[in-house]
Amino acid sequence: MAASGGVGVDVVGSREAVSRAWSKHGPLLVGADMAGSVMTWGLSPRPGSYVVGFDAEEAARWSAGLTASVIVVPQANQVLTEILHDELATTSRATVIQVSSSAGGTGVSTLAAGLAWAAARSGIKVGLVELDPSVGGIDLLLGIERKDGWRWPELASARGVTTDLGSHLPSLDGVEVVSAGRVGVDVPPAARRAVVNSLAGDHELVVVDPGGLDAPEVTVDVKVGVVAADLRSVMTARGRDLPNLLVARRGPGRSMLDGDVESVLGVRPDLVIKDDRRLARGHGDGEAPWVVASRRWRRGCVELMEQVMGS
């Protein structure tokens, strides 16, 4: 019998050791050859228990009594690997931040990149993930489209957890990036989860940009919502799930006061970031936002990072 300890696998066999493992959180694997003995010990049903064996009938015979799922090896080796890797990703998980908006044109991708840069600048190991490859372009935004490294075409079949994924990705100034490639590819939800979980396993922060996805289907710890400070944009955001942190974008035609935003959405912006004309010029030149942006914009990204890490 094996119990996942989060980092490794503990193998136990005595009644006392099994009882201790049974009371812990996480996946617990019971060998079919030992399942009969475990049943006689009168342990209460627990979530995350699995009977593992080479014979499907034998494993199924014990699974009902233990209220456990069945894993038949070697046929289900991949399932077993994913169970243990998912537990590893959960126990050593980074903070995962989603930056999104209810409307386009609010600079979500630029702000997500700025947040990742601010984290890397402060010494935090960070990954930046463009979840929707159909919108493609965060590597273009950063000017790293010619850098070698894995992108979604190489990662679309990812499952479970890939250790040290960041070392295979293009990076800039400490930000490791998962972006669309120049070839279109369909990325299933399982691949998005696998990539985010892989980065979360050995990073301190993962910033995800959902693009056009309504439901990115990855586990997120903090949601940052971006809204343009104009009446139409604020009204569009009304009625949607409130984020953990609300950022208002101000600029020409976007001058709605914080109190007016609050009167519509029920929450006051946590941070205001003003439009920066330099960003548009930098995008055309293939330079990263933080290279060309004003000090004010960079300070806003640092402040957002501090609020995110403190939330």
C-alpha atoms as a PDB file:
ATOM      1  CA  MET A   1       0.000   0.000   0.000  1.00  0.00           C
ATOM      2  CA  ALA A   2       1.279   3.485  -0.863  1.00  0.00           C
ATOM      3  CA  ALA A   3       0.192   6.858   0.485  1.00  0.00           C
ATOM      4  CA  SER A   4       1.149  10.053  -1.280  1.00  0.00           C
ATOM      5  CA  GLY A   5       3.052  12.363   1.030  1.00  0.00           C
ATOM      6  CA  GLY A   6       2.884  15.337  -1.335  1.00  0.00           C
ATOM      7  CA  VAL A   7       6.540  15.263  -2.416  1.00  0.00           C
ATOM      8  CA  GLY A   8       7.265  11.557  -2.475  1.00  0.00           C
ATOM      9  CA  VAL A   9       5.429   8.277  -1.919  1.00  0.00           C
ATOM     10  CA  ASP A  10       5.391   6.615   1.504  1.00  0.00           C
ATOM     11  CA  VAL A  11       5.029   2.835   1.513  1.00  0.00           C
ATOM     12  CA  VAL A  12       3.372   1.438   4.651  1.00  0.00           C
ATOM     13  CA  GLY A  13       2.126  -1.988   5.663  1.00  0.00           C
ATOM     14  CA  SER A  14       1.414  -2.271   9.382  1.00  0.00           C
ATOM     15  CA  ARG A  15      -2.051  -1.640  10.761  1.00  0.00           C
ATOM     16  CA  GLU A  16      -0.836   1.324  12.809  1.00  0.00           C
ATOM     17  CA  ALA A  17       0.949   2.951   9.847  1.00  0.00           C
ATOM     18  CA  VAL A  18      -2.000   2.358   7.539  1.00  0.00           C
ATOM     19  CA  SER A  19      -4.377   3.943  10.067  1.00  0.00           C
ATOM     20  CA  ARG A  20      -2.170   7.048  10.244  1.00  0.00           C
ATOM     21  CA  ALA A  21      -2.007   7.292   6.456  1.00  0.00           C
ATOM     22  CA  TRP A  22      -5.769   6.789   6.254  1.00  0.00           C
ATOM     23  CA  SER A  23      -6.376   9.894   8.351  1.00  0.00           C
ATOM     24  CA  LYS A  24      -4.253  12.148   6.133  1.00  0.00           C
ATOM     25  CA  HIS A  25      -5.398  14.213   3.160  1.00  0.00           C
ATOM     26  CA  GLY A  26      -4.391  13.207  -0.347  1.00  0.00           C
ATOM     27  CA  PRO A  27      -4.497  10.162  -2.636  1.00  0.00           C
ATOM     28  CA  LEU A  28      -4.023   6.797  -0.976  1.00  0.00           C
ATOM     29  CA  LEU A  29      -3.280   3.629  -2.942  1.00  0.00           C
ATOM     30  CA  VAL A  30      -4.173   0.187  -1.597  1.00  0.00           C
ATOM     31  CA  GLY A  31      -2.574  -2.803  -3.276  1.00  0.00           C
ATOM     32  CA  ALA A  32      -5.142  -5.449  -4.213  1.00  0.00           C
ATOM     33  CA  ASP A  33      -3.003  -8.044  -2.425  1.00  0.00           C
ATOM     34  CA  MET A  34      -3.471  -6.133   0.842  1.00  0.00           C
ATOM     35  CA  ALA A  35      -7.012  -4.863   0.414  1.00  0.00           C
ATOM     36  CA  GLY A  36      -8.563  -7.815   2.263  1.00  0.00           C
ATOM     37  CA  SER A  37      -6.527  -7.096   5.392  1.00  0.00           C
ATOM     38  CA  VAL A  38      -7.311  -3.376   5.249  1.00  0.00           C
ATOM     39  CA  MET A  39     -11.038  -4.142   5.051  1.00  0.00           C
ATOM     40  CA  THR A  40     -10.907  -6.126   8.310  1.00  0.00           C
ATOM     41  CA  TRP A  41      -9.502  -3.118  10.176  1.00  0.00           C
ATOM     42  CA  GLY A  42     -12.807  -1.244  10.027  1.00  0.00           C
ATOM     43  CA  LEU A  43     -11.490   2.013   8.636  1.00  0.00           C
ATOM     44  CA  SER A  44     -14.055   4.639   7.635  1.00  0.00           C
ATOM     45  CA  PRO A  45     -14.494   5.461   3.927  1.00  0.00           C
ATOM     46  CA  ARG A  46     -12.240   8.307   2.789  1.00  0.00           C
ATOM     47  CA  PRO A  47     -12.077  10.345  -0.444  1.00  0.00           C
ATOM     48  CA  GLY A  48      -9.087   9.813  -2.695  1.00  0.00           C
ATOM     49  CA  SER A  49      -8.680   6.080  -2.047  1.00  0.00           C
ATOM     50  CA  TYR A  50      -7.784   3.681  -4.860  1.00  0.00           C
ATOM     51  CA  VAL A  51      -7.384  -0.084  -5.088  1.00  0.00           C
ATOM     52  CA  VAL A  52      -4.471  -0.818  -7.405  1.00  0.00           C
ATOM     53  CA  GLY A  53      -3.874  -4.212  -8.964  1.00  0.00           C
ATOM     54  CA  PHE A  54      -2.967  -6.172 -12.073  1.00  0.00           C
ATOM     55  CA  ASP A  55      -6.299  -7.989 -12.260  1.00  0.00           C
ATOM     56  CA  ALA A  56      -9.445  -5.905 -12.814  1.00  0.00           C
ATOM     57  CA  GLU A  57     -11.823  -8.436 -11.223  1.00  0.00           C
ATOM     58  CA  GLU A  58      -9.726  -8.805  -8.095  1.00  0.00           C
ATOM     59  CA  ALA A  59      -9.347  -5.039  -7.646  1.00  0.00           C
ATOM     60  CA  ALA A  60     -13.075  -4.463  -8.237  1.00  0.00           C
ATOM     61  CA  ARG A  61     -13.947  -7.108  -5.621  1.00  0.00           C
ATOM     62  CA  TRP A  62     -12.233  -5.081  -2.888  1.00  0.00           C
ATOM     63  CA  SER A  63     -13.124  -1.601  -4.110  1.00  0.00           C
ATOM     64  CA  ALA A  64     -16.762  -1.715  -2.978  1.00  0.00           C
ATOM     65  CA  GLY A  65     -15.886  -2.628   0.601  1.00  0.00           C
ATOM     66  CA  LEU A  66     -13.314   0.161   0.791  1.00  0.00           C
ATOM     67  CA  THR A  67     -15.443   2.678  -1.127  1.00  0.00           C
ATOM     68  CA  ALA A  68     -12.443   3.165  -3.400  1.00  0.00           C
ATOM     69  CA  SER A  69     -11.888   3.611  -7.111  1.00  0.00           C
ATOM     70  CA  VAL A  70     -10.037   0.993  -9.151  1.00  0.00           C
ATOM     71  CA  ILE A  71      -6.763   1.433 -11.012  1.00  0.00           C
ATOM     72  CA  VAL A  72      -5.593  -1.504 -13.107  1.00  0.00           C
ATOM     73  CA  VAL A  73      -1.917  -1.458 -14.047  1.00  0.00           C
ATOM     74  CA  PRO A  74      -0.166  -1.303 -16.412  1.00  0.00           C
ATOM     75  CA  GLN A  75      -3.182  -0.265 -18.536  1.00  0.00           C
ATOM     76  CA  ALA A  76      -3.947   2.740 -16.297  1.00  0.00           C
ATOM     77  CA  ASN A  77      -0.369   3.788 -15.537  1.00  0.00           C
ATOM     78  CA  GLN A  78      -1.053   7.237 -16.994  1.00  0.00           C
ATOM     79  CA  VAL A  79      -4.049   7.711 -14.694  1.00  0.00           C
ATOM     80  CA  LEU A  80      -1.932   6.720 -11.702  1.00  0.00           C
ATOM     81  CA  THR A  81       0.809   9.141 -12.740  1.00  0.00           C
ATOM     82  CA  GLU A  82      -1.661  12.008 -13.108  1.00  0.00           C
ATOM     83  CA  ILE A  83      -3.182  11.352  -9.665  1.00  0.00           C
ATOM     84  CA  LEU A  84       0.206  11.560  -7.960  1.00  0.00           C
ATOM     85  CA  HIS A  85       1.394  14.503 -10.048  1.00  0.00           C
ATOM     86  CA  ASP A  86      -1.809  16.442  -9.385  1.00  0.00           C
ATOM     87  CA  GLU A  87      -1.247  15.969  -5.671  1.00  0.00           C
ATOM     88  CA  LEU A  88       2.327  17.194  -6.015  1.00  0.00           C
ATOM     89  CA  ALA A  89       1.154  20.266  -7.914  1.00  0.00           C
ATOM     90  CA  THR A  90      -1.442  20.994  -5.235  1.00  0.00           C
ATOM     91  CA  THR A  91       0.869  20.629  -2.244  1.00  0.00           C
ATOM     92  CA  SER A  92       3.659  22.766  -3.708  1.00  0.00           C
ATOM     93  CA  ARG A  93       1.438  25.089  -5.654  1.00  0.00           C
ATOM     94  CA  ALA A  94       2.250  28.634  -6.671  1.00  0.00           C
ATOM     95  CA  THR A  95      -0.224  31.482  -6.484  1.00  0.00           C
ATOM     96  CA  VAL A  96      -2.142  31.467  -9.777  1.00  0.00           C
ATOM     97  CA  ILE A  97      -3.475  34.860 -10.913  1.00  0.00           C
ATOM     98  CA  GLN A  98      -6.015  35.402 -13.659  1.00  0.00           C
ATOM     99  CA  VAL A  99      -6.143  38.825 -15.313  1.00  0.00           C
ATOM    100  CA  SER A 100      -9.314  39.338 -17.359  1.00  0.00           C
ATOM    101  CA  SER A 101     -11.936  41.832 -18.458  1.00  0.00           C
ATOM    102  CA  SER A 102     -15.581  41.746 -19.482  1.00  0.00           C
ATOM    103  CA  ALA A 103     -14.758  43.793 -22.582  1.00  0.00           C
ATOM    104  CA  GLY A 104     -11.912  44.148 -25.049  1.00  0.00           C
ATOM    105  CA  GLY A 105      -9.586  47.088 -25.375  1.00  0.00           C
ATOM    106  CA  THR A 106      -8.649  47.324 -21.708  1.00  0.00           C
ATOM    107  CA  GLY A 107      -5.051  46.156 -22.104  1.00  0.00           C
ATOM    108  CA  VAL A 108      -5.467  42.870 -20.234  1.00  0.00           C
ATOM    109  CA  SER A 109      -2.538  41.106 -21.926  1.00  0.00           C
ATOM    110  CA  THR A 110      -0.295  44.120 -21.409  1.00  0.00           C
ATOM    111  CA  LEU A 111      -1.231  44.351 -17.736  1.00  0.00           C
ATOM    112  CA  ALA A 112      -0.779  40.589 -17.235  1.00  0.00           C
ATOM    113  CA  ALA A 113       2.702  40.900 -18.725  1.00  0.00           C
ATOM    114  CA  GLY A 114       3.445  43.919 -16.532  1.00  0.00           C
ATOM    115  CA  LEU A 115       2.324  42.028 -13.438  1.00  0.00           C
ATOM    116  CA  ALA A 116       4.601  39.106 -14.328  1.00  0.00           C
ATOM    117  CA  TRP A 117       7.514  41.486 -14.947  1.00  0.00           C
ATOM    118  CA  ALA A 118       6.989  43.228 -11.598  1.00  0.00           C
ATOM    119  CA  ALA A 119       7.079  39.851  -9.852  1.00  0.00           C
ATOM    120  CA  ALA A 120      10.249  38.741 -11.656  1.00  0.00           C
ATOM    121  CA  ARG A 121      11.871  42.094 -10.888  1.00  0.00           C
ATOM    122  CA  SER A 122      11.316  41.494  -7.178  1.00  0.00           C
ATOM    123  CA  GLY A 123      12.948  38.048  -7.341  1.00  0.00           C
ATOM    124  CA  ILE A 124       9.787  35.939  -7.636  1.00  0.00           C
ATOM    125  CA  LYS A 125       9.948  32.963 -10.012  1.00  0.00           C
ATOM    126  CA  VAL A 126       7.064  33.611 -12.385  1.00  0.00           C
ATOM    127  CA  GLY A 127       5.365  32.112 -15.408  1.00  0.00           C
ATOM    128  CA  LEU A 128       3.032  33.885 -17.846  1.00  0.00           C
ATOM    129  CA  VAL A 129       0.474  31.787 -19.740  1.00  0.00           C
ATOM    130  CA  GLU A 130      -1.650  32.800 -22.711  1.00  0.00           C
ATOM    131  CA  LEU A 131      -4.495  30.312 -22.237  1.00  0.00           C
ATOM    132  CA  ASP A 132      -6.272  30.920 -25.532  1.00  0.00           C
ATOM    133  CA  PRO A 133      -3.926  30.306 -28.487  1.00  0.00           C
ATOM    134  CA  SER A 134      -6.601  31.385 -30.960  1.00  0.00           C
ATOM    135  CA  VAL A 135      -6.066  35.030 -29.990  1.00  0.00           C
ATOM    136  CA  GLY A 136      -2.302  34.497 -30.249  1.00  0.00           C
ATOM    137  CA  GLY A 137       0.250  37.149 -29.662  1.00  0.00           C
ATOM    138  CA  ILE A 138       1.627  37.536 -26.155  1.00  0.00           C
ATOM    139  CA  ASP A 139       5.074  36.588 -27.465  1.00  0.00           C
ATOM    140  CA  LEU A 140       4.629  39.275 -30.141  1.00  0.00           C
ATOM    141  CA  LEU A 141       3.640  41.733 -27.411  1.00  0.00           C
ATOM    142  CA  LEU A 142       6.897  40.940 -25.612  1.00  0.00           C
ATOM    143  CA  GLY A 143       9.021  40.853 -28.751  1.00  0.00           C
ATOM    144  CA  ILE A 144      10.139  37.236 -28.190  1.00  0.00           C
ATOM    145  CA  GLU A 145       8.415  35.571 -31.145  1.00  0.00           C
ATOM    146  CA  ARG A 146      11.797  34.540 -32.583  1.00  0.00           C
ATOM    147  CA  LYS A 147      13.107  33.059 -29.342  1.00  0.00           C
ATOM    148  CA  ASP A 148      13.400  29.284 -29.162  1.00  0.00           C
ATOM    149  CA  GLY A 149      11.170  27.381 -26.763  1.00  0.00           C
ATOM    150  CA  TRP A 150       7.992  25.388 -26.435  1.00  0.00           C
ATOM    151  CA  ARG A 151       4.685  27.006 -27.306  1.00  0.00           C
ATOM    152  CA  TRP A 152       1.138  25.637 -27.462  1.00  0.00           C
ATOM    153  CA  PRO A 153       1.768  23.501 -30.572  1.00  0.00           C
ATOM    154  CA  GLU A 154       4.359  21.564 -28.533  1.00  0.00           C
ATOM    155  CA  LEU A 155       2.222  21.562 -25.372  1.00  0.00           C
ATOM    156  CA  ALA A 156      -1.261  20.762 -26.697  1.00  0.00           C
ATOM    157  CA  SER A 157      -0.892  17.081 -25.762  1.00  0.00           C
ATOM    158  CA  ALA A 158       0.451  17.778 -22.251  1.00  0.00           C
ATOM    159  CA  ARG A 159      -1.111  15.805 -19.415  1.00  0.00           C
ATOM    160  CA  GLY A 160      -0.267  15.403 -15.721  1.00  0.00           C
ATOM    161  CA  VAL A 161       2.733  17.420 -14.592  1.00  0.00           C
ATOM    162  CA  THR A 162       5.911  18.171 -16.557  1.00  0.00           C
ATOM    163  CA  THR A 163       8.726  18.943 -14.155  1.00  0.00           C
ATOM    164  CA  ASP A 164      11.002  21.876 -14.948  1.00  0.00           C
ATOM    165  CA  LEU A 165       8.693  23.050 -17.735  1.00  0.00           C
ATOM    166  CA  GLY A 166       9.939  26.614 -17.409  1.00  0.00           C
ATOM    167  CA  SER A 167      13.401  25.689 -18.679  1.00  0.00           C
ATOM    168  CA  HIS A 168      11.871  24.723 -22.034  1.00  0.00           C
ATOM    169  CA  LEU A 169       9.940  27.983 -22.532  1.00  0.00           C
ATOM    170  CA  PRO A 170      10.983  31.261 -24.142  1.00  0.00           C
ATOM    171  CA  SER A 171      11.652  33.871 -21.487  1.00  0.00           C
ATOM    172  CA  LEU A 172      12.365  37.551 -21.075  1.00  0.00           C
ATOM    173  CA  ASP A 173      13.751  39.339 -18.021  1.00  0.00           C
ATOM    174  CA  GLY A 174      12.896  36.388 -15.775  1.00  0.00           C
ATOM    175  CA  VAL A 175       9.365  35.869 -17.121  1.00  0.00           C
ATOM    176  CA  GLU A 176       8.849  32.377 -18.600  1.00  0.00           C
ATOM    177  CA  VAL A 177       6.128  32.475 -21.256  1.00  0.00           C
ATOM    178  CA  VAL A 178       3.609  30.015 -22.713  1.00  0.00           C
ATOM    179  CA  SER A 179       2.144  31.536 -25.866  1.00  0.00           C
ATOM    180  CA  ALA A 180       0.475  30.641 -29.125  1.00  0.00           C
ATOM    181  CA  GLY A 181       2.727  29.505 -31.944  1.00  0.00           C
ATOM    182  CA  ARG A 182       2.595  30.574 -35.537  1.00  0.00           C
ATOM    183  CA  VAL A 183       0.692  27.354 -36.347  1.00  0.00           C
ATOM    184  CA  GLY A 184      -2.920  27.082 -35.178  1.00  0.00           C
ATOM    185  CA  VAL A 185      -3.624  24.293 -32.711  1.00  0.00           C
ATOM    186  CA  ASP A 186      -6.594  23.099 -30.677  1.00  0.00           C
ATOM    187  CA  VAL A 187      -5.693  23.045 -26.983  1.00  0.00           C
ATOM    188  CA  PRO A 188      -8.004  20.893 -24.829  1.00  0.00           C
ATOM    189  CA  PRO A 189      -8.802  21.906 -21.230  1.00  0.00           C
ATOM    190  CA  ALA A 190      -6.678  19.016 -19.910  1.00  0.00           C
ATOM    191  CA  ALA A 191      -3.591  20.496 -21.582  1.00  0.00           C
ATOM    192  CA  ARG A 192      -4.257  23.955 -20.146  1.00  0.00           C
ATOM    193  CA  ARG A 193      -4.607  22.440 -16.679  1.00  0.00           C
ATOM    194  CA  ALA A 194      -1.451  20.373 -17.141  1.00  0.00           C
ATOM    195  CA  VAL A 195       0.638  23.368 -18.201  1.00  0.00           C
ATOM    196  CA  VAL A 196      -0.605  25.652 -15.418  1.00  0.00           C
ATOM    197  CA  ASN A 197      -0.190  22.914 -12.803  1.00  0.00           C
ATOM    198  CA  SER A 198       3.313  22.140 -14.080  1.00  0.00           C
ATOM    199  CA  LEU A 199       4.372  25.765 -13.735  1.00  0.00           C
ATOM    200  CA  ALA A 200       2.603  26.059 -10.383  1.00  0.00           C
ATOM    201  CA  GLY A 201       4.650  23.119  -9.107  1.00  0.00           C
ATOM    202  CA  ASP A 202       8.004  24.898  -9.330  1.00  0.00           C
ATOM    203  CA  HIS A 203       7.158  28.609  -9.544  1.00  0.00           C
ATOM    204  CA  GLU A 204       6.014  31.095  -6.924  1.00  0.00           C
ATOM    205  CA  LEU A 205       3.573  32.919  -9.203  1.00  0.00           C
ATOM    206  CA  VAL A 206       1.751  32.015 -12.420  1.00  0.00           C
ATOM    207  CA  VAL A 207      -0.131  34.746 -14.304  1.00  0.00           C
ATOM    208  CA  VAL A 208      -2.772  33.548 -16.770  1.00  0.00           C
ATOM    209  CA  ASP A 209      -4.422  35.551 -19.531  1.00  0.00           C
ATOM    210  CA  PRO A 210      -7.660  33.743 -20.538  1.00  0.00           C
ATOM    211  CA  GLY A 211      -8.065  35.695 -23.767  1.00  0.00           C
ATOM    212  CA  GLY A 212     -11.433  34.855 -25.296  1.00  0.00           C
ATOM    213  CA  LEU A 213     -12.140  31.862 -23.056  1.00  0.00           C
ATOM    214  CA  ASP A 214     -15.263  32.215 -20.916  1.00  0.00           C
ATOM    215  CA  ALA A 215     -14.207  29.298 -18.702  1.00  0.00           C
ATOM    216  CA  PRO A 216     -10.434  28.706 -18.779  1.00  0.00           C
ATOM    217  CA  GLU A 217     -10.892  25.538 -16.638  1.00  0.00           C
ATOM    218  CA  VAL A 218      -7.759  26.041 -14.566  1.00  0.00           C
ATOM    219  CA  THR A 219      -7.608  26.497 -10.823  1.00  0.00           C
ATOM    220  CA  VAL A 220      -7.113  30.178  -9.977  1.00  0.00           C
ATOM    221  CA  ASP A 221      -6.286  31.658  -6.576  1.00  0.00           C
ATOM    222  CA  VAL A 222      -6.784  35.362  -7.294  1.00  0.00           C
ATOM    223  CA  LYS A 223      -8.865  36.981 -10.038  1.00  0.00           C
ATOM    224  CA  VAL A 224      -7.881  40.454 -11.192  1.00  0.00           C
ATOM    225  CA  GLY A 225     -10.650  42.196 -13.115  1.00  0.00           C
ATOM    226  CA  VAL A 226      -9.865  45.104 -15.430  1.00  0.00           C
ATOM    227  CA  VAL A 227     -12.540  47.636 -16.343  1.00  0.00           C
ATOM    228  CA  ALA A 228     -12.267  50.785 -18.437  1.00  0.00           C
ATOM    229  CA  ALA A 229     -13.480  53.790 -16.432  1.00  0.00           C
ATOM    230  CA  ASP A 230     -16.309  54.689 -18.782  1.00  0.00           C
ATOM    231  CA  LEU A 231     -20.026  54.128 -18.280  1.00  0.00           C
ATOM    232  CA  ARG A 232     -20.485  51.616 -21.104  1.00  0.00           C
ATOM    233  CA  SER A 233     -17.628  49.380 -19.940  1.00  0.00           C
ATOM    234  CA  VAL A 234     -18.684  49.557 -16.311  1.00  0.00           C
ATOM    235  CA  MET A 235     -22.277  48.681 -17.219  1.00  0.00           C
ATOM    236  CA  THR A 236     -20.997  45.702 -19.239  1.00  0.00           C
ATOM    237  CA  ALA A 237     -19.145  44.457 -16.161  1.00  0.00           C
ATOM    238  CA  ARG A 238     -22.230  44.765 -13.942  1.00  0.00           C
ATOM    239  CA  GLY A 239     -23.767  41.457 -12.935  1.00  0.00           C
ATOM    240  CA  ARG A 240     -20.634  39.427 -13.579  1.00  0.00           C
ATOM    241  CA  ASP A 241     -18.725  37.585 -10.877  1.00  0.00           C
ATOM    242  CA  LEU A 242     -16.736  40.091  -8.871  1.00  0.00           C
ATOM    243  CA  PRO A 243     -12.955  39.696  -8.984  1.00  0.00           C
ATOM    244  CA  ASN A 244     -10.724  39.606  -5.926  1.00  0.00           C
ATOM    245  CA  LEU A 245      -9.045  42.797  -7.121  1.00  0.00           C
ATOM    246  CA  LEU A 246     -10.560  45.410  -9.424  1.00  0.00           C
ATOM    247  CA  VAL A 247      -8.329  47.590 -11.616  1.00  0.00           C
ATOM    248  CA  ALA A 248      -9.777  50.657 -13.343  1.00  0.00           C
ATOM    249  CA  ARG A 249      -8.151  51.908 -16.555  1.00  0.00           C
ATOM    250  CA  ARG A 250      -8.280  55.689 -16.998  1.00  0.00           C
ATOM    251  CA  GLY A 251      -7.468  57.837 -20.000  1.00  0.00           C
ATOM    252  CA  PRO A 252      -9.153  59.919 -22.696  1.00  0.00           C
ATOM    253  CA  GLY A 253     -12.861  59.125 -22.573  1.00  0.00           C
ATOM    254  CA  ARG A 254     -12.298  57.027 -19.462  1.00  0.00           C
ATOM    255  CA  SER A 255     -12.720  59.463 -16.607  1.00  0.00           C
ATOM    256  CA  MET A 256     -15.398  57.834 -14.456  1.00  0.00           C
ATOM    257  CA  LEU A 257     -14.662  58.429 -10.764  1.00  0.00           C
ATOM    258  CA  ASP A 258     -14.053  55.563  -8.346  1.00  0.00           C
ATOM    259  CA  GLY A 259     -17.224  56.378  -6.441  1.00  0.00           C
ATOM    260  CA  ASP A 260     -19.302  56.212  -9.617  1.00  0.00           C
ATOM    261  CA  VAL A 261     -17.752  52.856 -10.526  1.00  0.00           C
ATOM    262  CA  GLU A 262     -18.611  51.628  -7.053  1.00  0.00           C
ATOM    263  CA  SER A 263     -22.212  52.802  -7.357  1.00  0.00           C
ATOM    264  CA  VAL A 264     -22.651  50.547 -10.411  1.00  0.00           C
ATOM    265  CA  LEU A 265     -20.536  47.514  -9.518  1.00  0.00           C
ATOM    266  CA  GLY A 266     -20.876  47.578  -5.754  1.00  0.00           C
ATOM    267  CA  VAL A 267     -17.099  47.582  -5.279  1.00  0.00           C
ATOM    268  CA  ARG A 268     -14.536  50.348  -5.420  1.00  0.00           C
ATOM    269  CA  PRO A 269     -11.488  49.899  -7.669  1.00  0.00           C
ATOM    270  CA  ASP A 270      -8.488  48.631  -5.711  1.00  0.00           C
ATOM    271  CA  LEU A 271      -6.114  50.292  -8.142  1.00  0.00           C
ATOM    272  CA  VAL A 272      -6.230  52.829 -10.974  1.00  0.00           C
ATOM    273  CA  ILE A 273      -3.797  52.532 -13.889  1.00  0.00           C
ATOM    274  CA  LYS A 274      -3.766  55.320 -16.437  1.00  0.00           C
ATOM    275  CA  ASP A 275      -3.362  54.771 -20.170  1.00  0.00           C
ATOM    276  CA  ASP A 276       0.194  55.116 -21.437  1.00  0.00           C
ATOM    277  CA  ARG A 277       0.694  56.150 -25.067  1.00  0.00           C
ATOM    278  CA  ARG A 278       4.218  54.772 -25.020  1.00  0.00           C
ATOM    279  CA  LEU A 279       2.839  51.236 -24.833  1.00  0.00           C
ATOM    280  CA  ALA A 280       1.251  51.421 -28.268  1.00  0.00           C
ATOM    281  CA  ARG A 281       4.501  52.698 -29.782  1.00  0.00           C
ATOM    282  CA  GLY A 282       6.501  49.962 -28.067  1.00  0.00           C
ATOM    283  CA  HIS A 283       4.179  47.228 -29.334  1.00  0.00           C
ATOM    284  CA  GLY A 284       4.805  48.356 -32.887  1.00  0.00           C
ATOM    285  CA  ASP A 285       8.565  48.215 -32.302  1.00  0.00           C
ATOM    286  CA  GLY A 286       8.489  44.720 -30.760  1.00  0.00           C
ATOM    287  CA  GLU A 287       9.639  45.856 -27.323  1.00  0.00           C
ATOM    288  CA  ALA A 288       8.242  44.580 -24.049  1.00  0.00           C
ATOM    289  CA  PRO A 289       5.765  46.910 -22.283  1.00  0.00           C
ATOM    290  CA  TRP A 290       8.010  47.482 -19.289  1.00  0.00           C
ATOM    291  CA  VAL A 291      10.872  48.576 -21.533  1.00  0.00           C
ATOM    292  CA  VAL A 292       8.969  51.462 -23.124  1.00  0.00           C
ATOM    293  CA  ALA A 293       6.314  52.312 -20.515  1.00  0.00           C
ATOM    294  CA  SER A 294       6.375  55.332 -18.250  1.00  0.00           C
ATOM    295  CA  ARG A 295       7.535  55.089 -14.659  1.00  0.00           C
ATOM    296  CA  ARG A 296       3.950  55.664 -13.572  1.00  0.00           C
ATOM    297  CA  TRP A 297       2.740  52.583 -15.465  1.00  0.00           C
ATOM    298  CA  ARG A 298       5.569  50.453 -14.086  1.00  0.00           C
ATOM    299  CA  ARG A 299       4.806  51.652 -10.550  1.00  0.00           C
ATOM    300  CA  GLY A 300       1.187  50.632 -11.100  1.00  0.00           C
ATOM    301  CA  CYS A 301       2.290  47.112 -12.074  1.00  0.00           C
ATOM    302  CA  VAL A 302       4.487  46.871  -8.986  1.00  0.00           C
ATOM    303  CA  GLU A 303       1.629  48.039  -6.777  1.00  0.00           C
ATOM    304  CA  LEU A 304      -0.712  45.497  -8.375  1.00  0.00           C
ATOM    305  CA  MET A 305       1.845  42.742  -7.787  1.00  0.00           C
ATOM    306  CA  GLU A 306       2.157  43.722  -4.132  1.00  0.00           C
ATOM    307  CA  GLN A 307      -1.615  43.680  -3.695  1.00  0.00           C
ATOM    308  CA  VAL A 308      -1.893  40.309  -5.444  1.00  0.00           C
ATOM    309  CA  MET A 309       0.810  38.679  -3.338  1.00  0.00           C
ATOM    310  CA  GLY A 310      -0.714  40.126  -0.182  1.00  0.00           C
ATOM    311  CA  SER A 311      -4.279  39.022  -0.964  1.00  0.00           C
END
